[in-house]
PDB file of all heavy atoms in Angstrom:
ATOM      1  N   GLY A   1      17.381 -16.159  -6.380  1.00  0.00           N
ATOM      2  CA  GLY A   1      17.194 -16.799  -7.678  1.00  0.00           C
ATOM      3  C   GLY A   1      17.784 -16.028  -8.835  1.00  0.00           C
ATOM      4  O   GLY A   1      17.332 -16.167  -9.981  1.00  0.00           O
ATOM      5  N   GLY A   2      18.796 -15.201  -8.568  1.00  0.00           N
ATOM      6  CA  GLY A   2      19.447 -14.455  -9.636  1.00  0.00           C
ATOM      7  C   GLY A   2      18.797 -13.126  -9.948  1.00  0.00           C
ATOM      8  O   GLY A   2      19.294 -12.381 -10.800  1.00  0.00           O
ATOM      9  N   ARG A   3      17.716 -12.794  -9.280  1.00  0.00           N
ATOM     10  CA  ARG A   3      17.054 -11.508  -9.512  1.00  0.00           C
ATOM     11  C   ARG A   3      17.806 -10.387  -8.793  1.00  0.00           C
ATOM     12  O   ARG A   3      18.403 -10.616  -7.738  1.00  0.00           O
ATOM     13  CB  ARG A   3      15.598 -11.573  -9.045  1.00  0.00           C
ATOM     14  CG  ARG A   3      14.733 -12.518  -9.892  1.00  0.00           C
ATOM     15  CD  ARG A   3      13.341 -12.672  -9.306  1.00  0.00           C
ATOM     16  NE  ARG A   3      13.350 -13.409  -8.038  1.00  0.00           N
ATOM     17  CZ  ARG A   3      12.275 -13.611  -7.294  1.00  0.00           C
ATOM     18  NH1 ARG A   3      11.096 -13.133  -7.690  1.00  0.00           N
ATOM     19  NH2 ARG A   3      12.367 -14.285  -6.169  1.00  0.00           N
ATOM     20  N   PRO A   4      17.775  -9.163  -9.328  1.00  0.00           N
ATOM     21  CA  PRO A   4      18.519  -8.060  -8.701  1.00  0.00           C
ATOM     22  C   PRO A   4      17.985  -7.736  -7.304  1.00  0.00           C
ATOM     23  O   PRO A   4      16.778  -7.816  -7.055  1.00  0.00           O
ATOM     24  CB  PRO A   4      18.287  -6.879  -9.656  1.00  0.00           C
ATOM     25  CG  PRO A   4      17.833  -7.489 -10.935  1.00  0.00           C
ATOM     26  CD  PRO A   4      17.121  -8.757 -10.584  1.00  0.00           C
ATOM     27  N   VAL A   5      18.901  -7.372  -6.413  1.00  0.00           N
ATOM     28  CA  VAL A   5      18.531  -6.962  -5.054  1.00  0.00           C
ATOM     29  C   VAL A   5      19.261  -5.645  -4.768  1.00  0.00           C
ATOM     30  O   VAL A   5      20.419  -5.643  -4.353  1.00  0.00           O
ATOM     31  CB  VAL A   5      18.910  -8.029  -4.005  1.00  0.00           C
ATOM     32  CG1 VAL A   5      18.485  -7.567  -2.616  1.00  0.00           C
ATOM     33  CG2 VAL A   5      18.286  -9.375  -4.343  1.00  0.00           C
ATOM     34  N   PRO A   6      18.608  -4.508  -4.993  1.00  0.00           N
ATOM     35  CA  PRO A   6      19.255  -3.214  -4.701  1.00  0.00           C
ATOM     36  C   PRO A   6      19.396  -2.986  -3.209  1.00  0.00           C
ATOM     37  O   PRO A   6      18.663  -3.560  -2.399  1.00  0.00           O
ATOM     38  CB  PRO A   6      18.308  -2.197  -5.338  1.00  0.00           C
ATOM     39  CG  PRO A   6      16.983  -2.879  -5.390  1.00  0.00           C
ATOM     40  CD  PRO A   6      17.263  -4.344  -5.570  1.00  0.00           C
ATOM     41  N   SER A   7      20.344  -2.126  -2.848  1.00  0.00           N
ATOM     42  CA  SER A   7      20.627  -1.878  -1.436  1.00  0.00           C
ATOM     43  C   SER A   7      20.695  -0.384  -1.141  1.00  0.00           C
ATOM     44  O   SER A   7      20.959   0.432  -2.029  1.00  0.00           O
ATOM     45  CB  SER A   7      21.950  -2.535  -1.032  1.00  0.00           C
ATOM     46  OG  SER A   7      23.032  -1.935  -1.713  1.00  0.00           O
ATOM     47  N   ILE A   8      20.443  -0.051   0.111  1.00  0.00           N
ATOM     48  CA  ILE A   8      20.613   1.305   0.635  1.00  0.00           C
ATOM     49  C   ILE A   8      21.408   1.171   1.926  1.00  0.00           C
ATOM     50  O   ILE A   8      21.105   0.320   2.762  1.00  0.00           O
ATOM     51  CB  ILE A   8      19.260   1.982   0.923  1.00  0.00           C
ATOM     52  CG1 ILE A   8      18.459   2.158  -0.363  1.00  0.00           C
ATOM     53  CG2 ILE A   8      19.463   3.337   1.611  1.00  0.00           C
ATOM     54  CD1 ILE A   8      17.038   2.653  -0.140  1.00  0.00           C
ATOM     55  N   THR A   9      22.430   2.011   2.096  1.00  0.00           N
ATOM     56  CA  THR A   9      23.272   1.933   3.285  1.00  0.00           C
ATOM     57  C   THR A   9      22.946   3.042   4.282  1.00  0.00           C
ATOM     58  O   THR A   9      22.521   4.132   3.899  1.00  0.00           O
ATOM     59  CB  THR A   9      24.764   2.029   2.906  1.00  0.00           C
ATOM     60  OG1 THR A   9      25.561   1.962   4.077  1.00  0.00           O
ATOM     61  CG2 THR A   9      25.075   3.323   2.183  1.00  0.00           C
ATOM     62  N   ALA A  10      23.187   2.760   5.551  1.00  0.00           N
ATOM     63  CA  ALA A  10      23.015   3.785   6.581  1.00  0.00           C
ATOM     64  C   ALA A  10      24.079   4.855   6.465  1.00  0.00           C
ATOM     65  O   ALA A  10      23.852   6.014   6.826  1.00  0.00           O
ATOM     66  CB  ALA A  10      23.062   3.146   7.967  1.00  0.00           C
ATOM     67  N   GLY A  11      25.251   4.489   5.961  1.00  0.00           N
ATOM     68  CA  GLY A  11      26.336   5.447   5.817  1.00  0.00           C
ATOM     69  C   GLY A  11      27.428   4.896   4.932  1.00  0.00           C
ATOM     70  O   GLY A  11      27.930   3.798   5.185  1.00  0.00           O
ATOM     71  N   ARG A  12      27.797   5.622   3.903  1.00  0.00           N
ATOM     72  CA  ARG A  12      28.853   5.169   3.001  1.00  0.00           C
ATOM     73  C   ARG A  12      30.206   5.225   3.714  1.00  0.00           C
ATOM     74  O   ARG A  12      30.500   6.176   4.426  1.00  0.00           O
ATOM     75  CB  ARG A  12      28.913   6.050   1.753  1.00  0.00           C
ATOM     76  CG  ARG A  12      27.663   6.008   0.895  1.00  0.00           C
ATOM     77  CD  ARG A  12      27.780   7.001  -0.245  1.00  0.00           C
ATOM     78  NE  ARG A  12      26.554   7.067  -1.029  1.00  0.00           N
ATOM     79  CZ  ARG A  12      26.359   7.937  -2.019  1.00  0.00           C
ATOM     80  NH1 ARG A  12      27.312   8.808  -2.324  1.00  0.00           N
ATOM     81  NH2 ARG A  12      25.214   7.938  -2.681  1.00  0.00           N
ATOM     82  N   THR A  13      31.010   4.210   3.502  1.00  0.00           N
ATOM     83  CA  THR A  13      32.371   4.211   4.030  1.00  0.00           C
ATOM     84  C   THR A  13      33.353   4.289   2.864  1.00  0.00           C
ATOM     85  O   THR A  13      33.122   3.723   1.802  1.00  0.00           O
ATOM     86  CB  THR A  13      32.654   2.949   4.865  1.00  0.00           C
ATOM     87  OG1 THR A  13      32.303   1.773   4.108  1.00  0.00           O
ATOM     88  CG2 THR A  13      31.849   2.954   6.159  1.00  0.00           C
ATOM     89  N   ASP A  14      34.454   4.997   3.086  1.00  0.00           N
ATOM     90  CA  ASP A  14      35.467   5.183   2.054  1.00  0.00           C
ATOM     91  C   ASP A  14      36.356   3.952   1.931  1.00  0.00           C
ATOM     92  O   ASP A  14      36.321   3.047   2.775  1.00  0.00           O
ATOM     93  CB  ASP A  14      36.345   6.394   2.388  1.00  0.00           C
ATOM     94  CG  ASP A  14      35.594   7.705   2.280  1.00  0.00           C
ATOM     95  OD1 ASP A  14      34.675   7.798   1.448  1.00  0.00           O
ATOM     96  OD2 ASP A  14      35.936   8.634   3.032  1.00  0.00           O
ATOM     97  N   ALA A  15      37.188   3.968   0.910  1.00  0.00           N
ATOM     98  CA  ALA A  15      38.169   2.904   0.722  1.00  0.00           C
ATOM     99  C   ALA A  15      39.040   2.779   1.961  1.00  0.00           C
ATOM    100  O   ALA A  15      39.533   3.774   2.494  1.00  0.00           O
ATOM    101  CB  ALA A  15      39.040   3.207  -0.499  1.00  0.00           C
ATOM    102  N   GLY A  16      39.199   1.543   2.442  1.00  0.00           N
ATOM    103  CA  GLY A  16      40.055   1.288   3.597  1.00  0.00           C
ATOM    104  C   GLY A  16      39.384   1.435   4.935  1.00  0.00           C
ATOM    105  O   GLY A  16      39.972   1.083   5.967  1.00  0.00           O
ATOM    106  N   VAL A  17      38.147   1.951   4.979  1.00  0.00           N
ATOM    107  CA  VAL A  17      37.423   2.121   6.236  1.00  0.00           C
ATOM    108  C   VAL A  17      36.644   0.841   6.535  1.00  0.00           C
ATOM    109  O   VAL A  17      36.079   0.206   5.642  1.00  0.00           O
ATOM    110  CB  VAL A  17      36.477   3.334   6.162  1.00  0.00           C
ATOM    111  CG1 VAL A  17      35.635   3.445   7.432  1.00  0.00           C
ATOM    112  CG2 VAL A  17      37.281   4.615   5.942  1.00  0.00           C
ATOM    113  N   HIS A  18      36.582   0.486   7.809  1.00  0.00           N
ATOM    114  CA  HIS A  18      35.994  -0.785   8.234  1.00  0.00           C
ATOM    115  C   HIS A  18      34.606  -0.574   8.857  1.00  0.00           C
ATOM    116  O   HIS A  18      34.142   0.558   9.018  1.00  0.00           O
ATOM    117  CB  HIS A  18      36.920  -1.462   9.244  1.00  0.00           C
ATOM    118  CG  HIS A  18      38.359  -1.428   8.848  1.00  0.00           C
ATOM    119  ND1 HIS A  18      38.836  -2.073   7.725  1.00  0.00           N
ATOM    120  CD2 HIS A  18      39.437  -0.783   9.390  1.00  0.00           C
ATOM    121  CE1 HIS A  18      40.137  -1.857   7.616  1.00  0.00           C
ATOM    122  NE2 HIS A  18      40.521  -1.069   8.606  1.00  0.00           N
ATOM    123  N   ALA A  19      33.961  -1.676   9.211  1.00  0.00           N
ATOM    124  CA  ALA A  19      32.659  -1.593   9.874  1.00  0.00           C
ATOM    125  C   ALA A  19      32.490  -2.757  10.834  1.00  0.00           C
ATOM    126  O   ALA A  19      32.891  -3.885  10.529  1.00  0.00           O
ATOM    127  CB  ALA A  19      31.519  -1.591   8.861  1.00  0.00           C
ATOM    128  N   GLY A  20      31.891  -2.446  11.974  1.00  0.00           N
ATOM    129  CA  GLY A  20      31.527  -3.491  12.927  1.00  0.00           C
ATOM    130  C   GLY A  20      30.036  -3.492  13.188  1.00  0.00           C
ATOM    131  O   GLY A  20      29.525  -4.350  13.896  1.00  0.00           O
ATOM    132  N   GLY A  21      29.324  -2.515  12.600  1.00  0.00           N
ATOM    133  CA  GLY A  21      27.886  -2.419  12.817  1.00  0.00           C
ATOM    134  C   GLY A  21      27.205  -1.610  11.728  1.00  0.00           C
ATOM    135  O   GLY A  21      26.288  -0.844  11.990  1.00  0.00           O
ATOM    136  N   GLN A  22      27.650  -1.789  10.481  1.00  0.00           N
ATOM    137  CA  GLN A  22      27.012  -1.123   9.343  1.00  0.00           C
ATOM    138  C   GLN A  22      25.621  -1.721   9.128  1.00  0.00           C
ATOM    139  O   GLN A  22      25.436  -2.938   9.252  1.00  0.00           O
ATOM    140  CB  GLN A  22      27.870  -1.308   8.093  1.00  0.00           C
ATOM    141  CG  GLN A  22      27.279  -0.846   6.790  1.00  0.00           C
ATOM    142  CD  GLN A  22      27.199   0.649   6.664  1.00  0.00           C
ATOM    143  OE1 GLN A  22      26.311   1.256   7.254  1.00  0.00           O
ATOM    144  NE2 GLN A  22      28.117   1.247   5.908  1.00  0.00           N
ATOM    145  N   VAL A  23      24.649  -0.887   8.790  1.00  0.00           N
ATOM    146  CA  VAL A  23      23.289  -1.365   8.546  1.00  0.00           C
ATOM    147  C   VAL A  23      22.910  -1.097   7.097  1.00  0.00           C
ATOM    148  O   VAL A  23      23.112   0.008   6.586  1.00  0.00           O
ATOM    149  CB  VAL A  23      22.276  -0.701   9.497  1.00  0.00           C
ATOM    150  CG1 VAL A  23      20.850  -1.160   9.183  1.00  0.00           C
ATOM    151  CG2 VAL A  23      22.617  -1.032  10.952  1.00  0.00           C
ATOM    152  N   ILE A  24      22.366  -2.115   6.469  1.00  0.00           N
ATOM    153  CA  ILE A  24      22.027  -2.072   5.052  1.00  0.00           C
ATOM    154  C   ILE A  24      20.570  -2.482   4.859  1.00  0.00           C
ATOM    155  O   ILE A  24      20.072  -3.394   5.514  1.00  0.00           O
ATOM    156  CB  ILE A  24      22.921  -3.027   4.231  1.00  0.00           C
ATOM    157  CG1 ILE A  24      24.407  -2.774   4.528  1.00  0.00           C
ATOM    158  CG2 ILE A  24      22.629  -2.922   2.744  1.00  0.00           C
ATOM    159  CD1 ILE A  24      24.904  -1.405   4.157  1.00  0.00           C
ATOM    160  N   GLN A  25      19.911  -1.817   3.935  1.00  0.00           N
ATOM    161  CA  GLN A  25      18.567  -2.195   3.496  1.00  0.00           C
ATOM    162  C   GLN A  25      18.690  -2.974   2.192  1.00  0.00           C
ATOM    163  O   GLN A  25      19.299  -2.503   1.237  1.00  0.00           O
ATOM    164  CB  GLN A  25      17.745  -0.926   3.280  1.00  0.00           C
ATOM    165  CG  GLN A  25      16.375  -1.156   2.672  1.00  0.00           C
ATOM    166  CD  GLN A  25      15.644   0.166   2.475  1.00  0.00           C
ATOM    167  OE1 GLN A  25      15.909   1.157   3.155  1.00  0.00           O
ATOM    168  NE2 GLN A  25      14.722   0.187   1.535  1.00  0.00           N
ATOM    169  N   LEU A  26      18.115  -4.155   2.161  1.00  0.00           N
ATOM    170  CA  LEU A  26      18.086  -4.979   0.946  1.00  0.00           C
ATOM    171  C   LEU A  26      16.636  -5.126   0.497  1.00  0.00           C
ATOM    172  O   LEU A  26      15.792  -5.602   1.272  1.00  0.00           O
ATOM    173  CB  LEU A  26      18.686  -6.360   1.204  1.00  0.00           C
ATOM    174  CG  LEU A  26      20.192  -6.416   1.486  1.00  0.00           C
ATOM    175  CD1 LEU A  26      20.608  -7.832   1.879  1.00  0.00           C
ATOM    176  CD2 LEU A  26      20.994  -5.947   0.274  1.00  0.00           C
ATOM    177  N   ASP A  27      16.355  -4.716  -0.716  1.00  0.00           N
ATOM    178  CA  ASP A  27      14.997  -4.809  -1.263  1.00  0.00           C
ATOM    179  C   ASP A  27      14.911  -6.015  -2.186  1.00  0.00           C
ATOM    180  O   ASP A  27      15.229  -5.935  -3.383  1.00  0.00           O
ATOM    181  CB  ASP A  27      14.630  -3.526  -1.994  1.00  0.00           C
ATOM    182  CG  ASP A  27      14.410  -2.359  -1.036  1.00  0.00           C
ATOM    183  OD1 ASP A  27      13.892  -2.599   0.066  1.00  0.00           O
ATOM    184  OD2 ASP A  27      14.761  -1.225  -1.394  1.00  0.00           O
ATOM    185  N   PHE A  28      14.478  -7.140  -1.613  1.00  0.00           N
ATOM    186  CA  PHE A  28      14.320  -8.370  -2.383  1.00  0.00           C
ATOM    187  C   PHE A  28      13.058  -8.283  -3.245  1.00  0.00           C
ATOM    188  O   PHE A  28      12.106  -7.572  -2.907  1.00  0.00           O
ATOM    189  CB  PHE A  28      14.214  -9.575  -1.444  1.00  0.00           C
ATOM    190  CG  PHE A  28      15.512  -9.963  -0.798  1.00  0.00           C
ATOM    191  CD1 PHE A  28      15.858  -9.469   0.451  1.00  0.00           C
ATOM    192  CD2 PHE A  28      16.395 -10.818  -1.442  1.00  0.00           C
ATOM    193  CE1 PHE A  28      17.053  -9.823   1.060  1.00  0.00           C
ATOM    194  CE2 PHE A  28      17.595 -11.182  -0.848  1.00  0.00           C
ATOM    195  CZ  PHE A  28      17.928 -10.681   0.405  1.00  0.00           C
ATOM    196  N   PRO A  29      13.038  -9.006  -4.359  1.00  0.00           N
ATOM    197  CA  PRO A  29      11.853  -8.965  -5.224  1.00  0.00           C
ATOM    198  C   PRO A  29      10.637  -9.568  -4.533  1.00  0.00           C
ATOM    199  O   PRO A  29      10.758 -10.357  -3.596  1.00  0.00           O
ATOM    200  CB  PRO A  29      12.280  -9.791  -6.436  1.00  0.00           C
ATOM    201  CG  PRO A  29      13.415 -10.637  -5.968  1.00  0.00           C
ATOM    202  CD  PRO A  29      14.107  -9.863  -4.904  1.00  0.00           C
ATOM    203  N   SER A  30       9.448  -9.173  -4.990  1.00  0.00           N
ATOM    204  CA  SER A  30       8.209  -9.685  -4.412  1.00  0.00           C
ATOM    205  C   SER A  30       8.200 -11.212  -4.492  1.00  0.00           C
ATOM    206  O   SER A  30       8.728 -11.815  -5.438  1.00  0.00           O
ATOM    207  CB  SER A  30       7.001  -9.131  -5.166  1.00  0.00           C
ATOM    208  OG  SER A  30       7.025  -9.526  -6.524  1.00  0.00           O
ATOM    209  N   GLY A  31       7.632 -11.815  -3.479  1.00  0.00           N
ATOM    210  CA  GLY A  31       7.580 -13.272  -3.423  1.00  0.00           C
ATOM    211  C   GLY A  31       8.758 -13.901  -2.723  1.00  0.00           C
ATOM    212  O   GLY A  31       8.757 -15.115  -2.481  1.00  0.00           O
ATOM    213  N   PHE A  32       9.780 -13.109  -2.387  1.00  0.00           N
ATOM    214  CA  PHE A  32      10.937 -13.652  -1.675  1.00  0.00           C
ATOM    215  C   PHE A  32      10.494 -14.125  -0.293  1.00  0.00           C
ATOM    216  O   PHE A  32       9.885 -13.370   0.469  1.00  0.00           O
ATOM    217  CB  PHE A  32      12.022 -12.580  -1.539  1.00  0.00           C
ATOM    218  CG  PHE A  32      13.244 -13.035  -0.793  1.00  0.00           C
ATOM    219  CD1 PHE A  32      14.198 -13.834  -1.415  1.00  0.00           C
ATOM    220  CD2 PHE A  32      13.441 -12.668   0.529  1.00  0.00           C
ATOM    221  CE1 PHE A  32      15.331 -14.241  -0.729  1.00  0.00           C
ATOM    222  CE2 PHE A  32      14.563 -13.072   1.222  1.00  0.00           C
ATOM    223  CZ  PHE A  32      15.520 -13.859   0.588  1.00  0.00           C
ATOM    224  N   ASP A  33      10.798 -15.371   0.019  1.00  0.00           N
ATOM    225  CA  ASP A  33      10.286 -15.968   1.258  1.00  0.00           C
ATOM    226  C   ASP A  33      11.393 -16.757   1.941  1.00  0.00           C
ATOM    227  O   ASP A  33      11.664 -17.912   1.595  1.00  0.00           O
ATOM    228  CB  ASP A  33       9.087 -16.869   0.955  1.00  0.00           C
ATOM    229  CG  ASP A  33       8.445 -17.435   2.212  1.00  0.00           C
ATOM    230  OD1 ASP A  33       8.692 -16.879   3.296  1.00  0.00           O
ATOM    231  OD2 ASP A  33       7.703 -18.438   2.105  1.00  0.00           O
TER     232      ASP A  33
END
């Protein structure tokens, strides 16, 4: 609904580096269902 969703990554990748199994934490606002 347009509210901010901050993220935390398992590992930062540099410019040009790819991912096939990157894991990210997304903290949705309370009430997100």
